Amino acid sequence: MPRYELSLILKAMQRPETAAALRRTVEALMERGAVVRDMENLGERLLPFKITKHSQRHSRGAYFLMDFYSSPSILTGLLNHLHRDVDVVRSTVLKKDVQVSSSTCCGPKQ
């Protein structure tokens, strides 16, 4: 299974509501057969611009990264699920590349 990274911006909420939104997201991943490796909290900060989502205007958001393995076929359904979640302001899934060893570099030798 390929490795992916989910970049997630949640609306600014209290800790219990944020934890519930994260739990829903992880459960949605696991229900679709994904294996969540890691989750990183990048903190709450100002958004680069105001975002209107679900008839609400957001200027702050909580940023999270989730590292997971899954089949490529579940990504469309996952993104549709996150798009409908009222606590999610923005979500993006990126495929993580296999790490390239430094010995395969073709630059000049020093």
N, C-alpha and C. Protein backbone atom coordinates (compact mmCIF):
# COMPACT_ATOMS: atom_id res chain seq x y z
N MET A 1 0.85 -1.19 0.00
CA MET A 1 0.00 0.00 0.00
C MET A 1 0.89 1.24 0.00
N PRO A 2 0.53 2.23 -0.80
CA PRO A 2 1.30 3.47 -0.83
C PRO A 2 1.13 4.27 0.46
N ARG A 3 2.08 5.14 0.71
CA ARG A 3 2.07 5.99 1.90
C ARG A 3 1.59 7.38 1.51
N TYR A 4 0.68 7.93 2.32
CA TYR A 4 0.10 9.24 2.05
C TYR A 4 0.21 10.13 3.28
N GLU A 5 0.05 11.44 3.03
CA GLU A 5 0.01 12.40 4.12
C GLU A 5 -1.24 13.26 3.95
N LEU A 6 -2.04 13.33 5.01
CA LEU A 6 -3.25 14.13 5.01
C LEU A 6 -2.96 15.42 5.75
N SER A 7 -3.08 16.53 5.05
CA SER A 7 -2.94 17.84 5.65
C SER A 7 -4.35 18.32 5.97
N LEU A 8 -4.59 18.66 7.22
CA LEU A 8 -5.94 18.94 7.68
C LEU A 8 -5.96 20.27 8.43
N ILE A 9 -6.88 21.14 8.08
CA ILE A 9 -7.10 22.37 8.83
C ILE A 9 -8.50 22.29 9.40
N LEU A 10 -8.60 22.30 10.73
CA LEU A 10 -9.88 22.29 11.42
C LEU A 10 -10.20 23.70 11.87
N LYS A 11 -11.48 24.00 11.99
CA LYS A 11 -11.86 25.32 12.49
C LYS A 11 -11.42 25.45 13.95
N ALA A 12 -11.22 26.66 14.40
CA ALA A 12 -10.77 26.91 15.76
C ALA A 12 -11.87 26.51 16.74
N MET A 13 -11.55 25.52 17.60
CA MET A 13 -12.53 24.99 18.56
C MET A 13 -11.80 24.70 19.87
N GLN A 14 -12.59 24.38 20.89
CA GLN A 14 -12.01 23.94 22.16
C GLN A 14 -11.43 22.55 21.99
N ARG A 15 -10.60 22.14 22.93
CA ARG A 15 -9.89 20.86 22.83
C ARG A 15 -10.82 19.65 22.68
N PRO A 16 -11.91 19.51 23.44
CA PRO A 16 -12.77 18.32 23.26
C PRO A 16 -13.38 18.22 21.86
N GLU A 17 -13.80 19.36 21.31
CA GLU A 17 -14.39 19.34 19.96
C GLU A 17 -13.33 19.01 18.91
N THR A 18 -12.12 19.53 19.10
CA THR A 18 -11.03 19.23 18.17
C THR A 18 -10.69 17.74 18.22
N ALA A 19 -10.63 17.19 19.44
CA ALA A 19 -10.33 15.76 19.59
C ALA A 19 -11.41 14.90 18.93
N ALA A 20 -12.67 15.31 19.06
CA ALA A 20 -13.77 14.56 18.43
C ALA A 20 -13.65 14.60 16.91
N ALA A 21 -13.29 15.75 16.34
CA ALA A 21 -13.14 15.87 14.89
C ALA A 21 -11.97 15.00 14.40
N LEU A 22 -10.88 14.98 15.16
CA LEU A 22 -9.74 14.14 14.79
C LEU A 22 -10.11 12.66 14.89
N ARG A 23 -10.86 12.30 15.91
CA ARG A 23 -11.29 10.92 16.08
C ARG A 23 -12.16 10.49 14.89
N ARG A 24 -13.08 11.36 14.48
CA ARG A 24 -13.93 11.05 13.32
C ARG A 24 -13.08 10.83 12.06
N THR A 25 -12.05 11.66 11.90
CA THR A 25 -11.19 11.55 10.72
C THR A 25 -10.41 10.25 10.73
N VAL A 26 -9.83 9.90 11.87
CA VAL A 26 -9.06 8.65 11.98
C VAL A 26 -9.98 7.45 11.79
N GLU A 27 -11.19 7.50 12.35
CA GLU A 27 -12.14 6.40 12.17
C GLU A 27 -12.55 6.27 10.71
N ALA A 28 -12.71 7.40 10.01
CA ALA A 28 -13.05 7.35 8.59
C ALA A 28 -11.92 6.69 7.79
N LEU A 29 -10.69 7.00 8.15
CA LEU A 29 -9.55 6.36 7.48
C LEU A 29 -9.54 4.86 7.74
N MET A 30 -9.70 4.48 9.01
CA MET A 30 -9.61 3.07 9.37
C MET A 30 -10.77 2.25 8.83
N GLU A 31 -11.97 2.85 8.75
CA GLU A 31 -13.13 2.15 8.17
C GLU A 31 -12.90 1.81 6.71
N ARG A 32 -12.09 2.63 6.04
CA ARG A 32 -11.81 2.41 4.62
C ARG A 32 -10.58 1.52 4.40
N GLY A 33 -9.99 1.03 5.50
CA GLY A 33 -8.87 0.11 5.39
C GLY A 33 -7.49 0.74 5.48
N ALA A 34 -7.41 2.01 5.84
CA ALA A 34 -6.11 2.67 5.96
C ALA A 34 -5.46 2.32 7.29
N VAL A 35 -4.14 2.42 7.31
CA VAL A 35 -3.36 2.21 8.53
C VAL A 35 -2.70 3.54 8.87
N VAL A 36 -3.13 4.15 9.97
CA VAL A 36 -2.59 5.45 10.37
C VAL A 36 -1.28 5.22 11.11
N ARG A 37 -0.21 5.83 10.61
CA ARG A 37 1.12 5.69 11.19
C ARG A 37 1.39 6.75 12.24
N ASP A 38 1.04 7.99 11.95
CA ASP A 38 1.44 9.09 12.82
C ASP A 38 0.48 10.26 12.62
N MET A 39 0.36 11.07 13.68
CA MET A 39 -0.43 12.30 13.59
C MET A 39 0.36 13.39 14.29
N GLU A 40 0.47 14.53 13.65
CA GLU A 40 1.25 15.63 14.20
C GLU A 40 0.38 16.88 14.31
N ASN A 41 0.41 17.50 15.47
CA ASN A 41 -0.33 18.74 15.70
C ASN A 41 0.62 19.89 15.42
N LEU A 42 0.30 20.71 14.44
CA LEU A 42 1.13 21.86 14.10
C LEU A 42 0.66 23.13 14.78
N GLY A 43 -0.40 23.03 15.56
CA GLY A 43 -0.87 24.18 16.34
C GLY A 43 -1.95 24.98 15.64
N GLU A 44 -2.48 25.92 16.40
CA GLU A 44 -3.51 26.82 15.87
C GLU A 44 -2.85 28.11 15.46
N ARG A 45 -3.26 28.62 14.30
CA ARG A 45 -2.68 29.87 13.80
C ARG A 45 -3.65 30.57 12.87
N LEU A 46 -3.30 31.79 12.51
CA LEU A 46 -4.11 32.53 11.55
C LEU A 46 -4.02 31.87 10.18
N LEU A 47 -5.13 31.82 9.47
CA LEU A 47 -5.13 31.31 8.11
C LEU A 47 -4.51 32.37 7.20
N PRO A 48 -3.89 31.97 6.11
CA PRO A 48 -3.28 32.96 5.20
C PRO A 48 -4.31 33.91 4.58
N PHE A 49 -5.55 33.46 4.49
CA PHE A 49 -6.65 34.29 4.02
C PHE A 49 -7.93 33.73 4.62
N LYS A 50 -8.97 34.53 4.67
CA LYS A 50 -10.23 34.07 5.25
C LYS A 50 -10.88 33.05 4.33
N ILE A 51 -11.36 31.97 4.92
CA ILE A 51 -11.96 30.87 4.16
C ILE A 51 -13.41 30.72 4.60
N THR A 52 -14.32 30.69 3.65
CA THR A 52 -15.72 30.46 3.94
C THR A 52 -16.02 28.99 3.63
N LYS A 53 -16.51 28.29 4.66
CA LYS A 53 -16.82 26.86 4.50
C LYS A 53 -18.06 26.57 5.33
N HIS A 54 -19.04 25.91 4.76
CA HIS A 54 -20.29 25.54 5.42
C HIS A 54 -20.97 26.78 6.02
N SER A 55 -21.01 27.85 5.25
CA SER A 55 -21.67 29.12 5.62
C SER A 55 -21.04 29.78 6.84
N GLN A 56 -19.79 29.48 7.12
CA GLN A 56 -19.06 30.13 8.20
C GLN A 56 -17.76 30.70 7.64
N ARG A 57 -17.37 31.84 8.16
CA ARG A 57 -16.14 32.48 7.72
C ARG A 57 -15.06 32.23 8.77
N HIS A 58 -13.93 31.67 8.34
CA HIS A 58 -12.87 31.28 9.27
C HIS A 58 -11.62 32.12 9.03
N SER A 59 -11.03 32.60 10.13
CA SER A 59 -9.77 33.33 10.03
C SER A 59 -8.66 32.63 10.82
N ARG A 60 -9.01 31.67 11.68
CA ARG A 60 -8.05 30.87 12.43
C ARG A 60 -8.34 29.40 12.20
N GLY A 61 -7.31 28.58 12.32
CA GLY A 61 -7.51 27.15 12.15
C GLY A 61 -6.45 26.35 12.88
N ALA A 62 -6.78 25.11 13.19
CA ALA A 62 -5.84 24.17 13.82
C ALA A 62 -5.29 23.26 12.73
N TYR A 63 -3.98 23.22 12.61
CA TYR A 63 -3.30 22.47 11.55
C TYR A 63 -2.83 21.12 12.06
N PHE A 64 -3.10 20.06 11.28
CA PHE A 64 -2.69 18.70 11.62
C PHE A 64 -2.16 17.99 10.38
N LEU A 65 -1.21 17.08 10.60
CA LEU A 65 -0.71 16.20 9.55
C LEU A 65 -0.93 14.76 9.99
N MET A 66 -1.46 13.93 9.10
CA MET A 66 -1.64 12.51 9.38
C MET A 66 -0.90 11.72 8.31
N ASP A 67 -0.08 10.80 8.78
CA ASP A 67 0.70 9.93 7.92
C ASP A 67 0.01 8.56 7.92
N PHE A 68 -0.33 8.04 6.73
CA PHE A 68 -1.06 6.77 6.69
C PHE A 68 -0.75 6.00 5.43
N TYR A 69 -1.01 4.70 5.49
CA TYR A 69 -0.92 3.80 4.34
C TYR A 69 -2.34 3.42 3.93
N SER A 70 -2.59 3.43 2.63
CA SER A 70 -3.91 2.99 2.16
C SER A 70 -3.88 2.69 0.68
N SER A 71 -4.95 2.08 0.24
CA SER A 71 -5.15 1.83 -1.18
C SER A 71 -5.52 3.16 -1.85
N PRO A 72 -5.04 3.42 -3.06
CA PRO A 72 -5.39 4.67 -3.74
C PRO A 72 -6.89 4.81 -4.01
N SER A 73 -7.60 3.71 -4.05
CA SER A 73 -9.02 3.75 -4.38
C SER A 73 -9.89 4.41 -3.30
N ILE A 74 -9.40 4.52 -2.07
CA ILE A 74 -10.23 5.10 -1.01
C ILE A 74 -10.13 6.61 -0.92
N LEU A 75 -9.19 7.21 -1.63
CA LEU A 75 -8.91 8.64 -1.46
C LEU A 75 -10.09 9.53 -1.86
N THR A 76 -10.76 9.20 -2.93
CA THR A 76 -11.90 10.02 -3.37
C THR A 76 -13.00 10.01 -2.33
N GLY A 77 -13.35 8.85 -1.81
CA GLY A 77 -14.38 8.75 -0.78
C GLY A 77 -13.97 9.45 0.50
N LEU A 78 -12.70 9.35 0.86
CA LEU A 78 -12.20 10.02 2.06
C LEU A 78 -12.30 11.53 1.91
N LEU A 79 -11.88 12.06 0.79
CA LEU A 79 -11.94 13.51 0.58
C LEU A 79 -13.39 14.00 0.54
N ASN A 80 -14.30 13.21 -0.03
CA ASN A 80 -15.72 13.58 -0.02
C ASN A 80 -16.24 13.62 1.42
N HIS A 81 -15.85 12.65 2.23
CA HIS A 81 -16.25 12.61 3.64
C HIS A 81 -15.74 13.85 4.38
N LEU A 82 -14.48 14.20 4.16
CA LEU A 82 -13.90 15.36 4.84
C LEU A 82 -14.52 16.67 4.35
N HIS A 83 -14.89 16.72 3.08
CA HIS A 83 -15.53 17.92 2.53
C HIS A 83 -16.89 18.17 3.19
N ARG A 84 -17.58 17.10 3.58
CA ARG A 84 -18.90 17.24 4.21
C ARG A 84 -18.80 17.51 5.71
N ASP A 85 -17.65 17.24 6.34
CA ASP A 85 -17.48 17.44 7.78
C ASP A 85 -17.47 18.94 8.07
N VAL A 86 -18.37 19.39 8.94
CA VAL A 86 -18.52 20.82 9.21
C VAL A 86 -17.34 21.41 9.99
N ASP A 87 -16.52 20.57 10.63
CA ASP A 87 -15.39 21.07 11.39
C ASP A 87 -14.11 21.18 10.56
N VAL A 88 -14.11 20.61 9.36
CA VAL A 88 -12.93 20.64 8.49
C VAL A 88 -13.01 21.86 7.57
N VAL A 89 -12.00 22.70 7.66
CA VAL A 89 -11.94 23.89 6.80
C VAL A 89 -11.26 23.55 5.48
N ARG A 90 -10.17 22.79 5.53
CA ARG A 90 -9.45 22.42 4.32
C ARG A 90 -8.75 21.08 4.53
N SER A 91 -8.72 20.24 3.50
CA SER A 91 -8.00 18.96 3.59
C SER A 91 -7.33 18.68 2.25
N THR A 92 -6.14 18.11 2.33
CA THR A 92 -5.37 17.75 1.15
C THR A 92 -4.63 16.45 1.42
N VAL A 93 -4.63 15.55 0.44
CA VAL A 93 -3.89 14.30 0.56
C VAL A 93 -2.76 14.33 -0.46
N LEU A 94 -1.55 14.06 0.02
CA LEU A 94 -0.37 13.99 -0.84
C LEU A 94 0.26 12.61 -0.72
N LYS A 95 0.75 12.10 -1.83
CA LYS A 95 1.46 10.83 -1.79
C LYS A 95 2.90 11.10 -1.37
N LYS A 96 3.37 10.33 -0.39
CA LYS A 96 4.75 10.50 0.07
C LYS A 96 5.67 9.64 -0.77
N ASP A 97 6.75 10.24 -1.23
CA ASP A 97 7.71 9.51 -2.06
C ASP A 97 8.56 8.59 -1.22
N VAL A 98 9.08 7.58 -1.88
CA VAL A 98 10.04 6.69 -1.23
C VAL A 98 11.32 7.50 -1.06
N GLN A 99 11.95 7.40 0.10
CA GLN A 99 13.16 8.18 0.35
C GLN A 99 14.28 7.75 -0.58
N VAL A 100 14.97 8.73 -1.13
CA VAL A 100 16.09 8.48 -2.04
C VAL A 100 17.36 8.55 -1.20
N SER A 101 18.20 7.55 -1.33
CA SER A 101 19.44 7.55 -0.55
C SER A 101 20.41 8.58 -1.12
N SER A 102 21.26 9.10 -0.28
CA SER A 102 22.20 10.14 -0.73
C SER A 102 23.28 9.58 -1.64
N SER A 103 23.48 8.27 -1.66
CA SER A 103 24.50 7.67 -2.49
C SER A 103 24.12 7.67 -3.98
N THR A 104 22.83 7.89 -4.29
CA THR A 104 22.40 7.89 -5.67
C THR A 104 22.41 9.28 -6.30
N CYS A 105 22.91 10.25 -5.57
CA CYS A 105 22.97 11.62 -6.08
C CYS A 105 23.96 11.70 -7.22
N CYS A 106 23.62 12.47 -8.23
CA CYS A 106 24.48 12.55 -9.40
C CYS A 106 25.20 13.88 -9.47
N GLY A 107 25.22 14.64 -8.38
CA GLY A 107 25.90 15.94 -8.36
C GLY A 107 27.41 15.76 -8.31
N PRO A 108 28.13 16.88 -8.35
CA PRO A 108 29.60 16.81 -8.34
C PRO A 108 30.11 16.24 -7.02
N LYS A 109 31.15 15.46 -7.10
CA LYS A 109 31.78 14.86 -5.91
C LYS A 109 32.70 15.88 -5.27
N GLN A 110 32.70 15.87 -3.94
CA GLN A 110 33.57 16.83 -3.24
C GLN A 110 34.65 16.13 -2.49
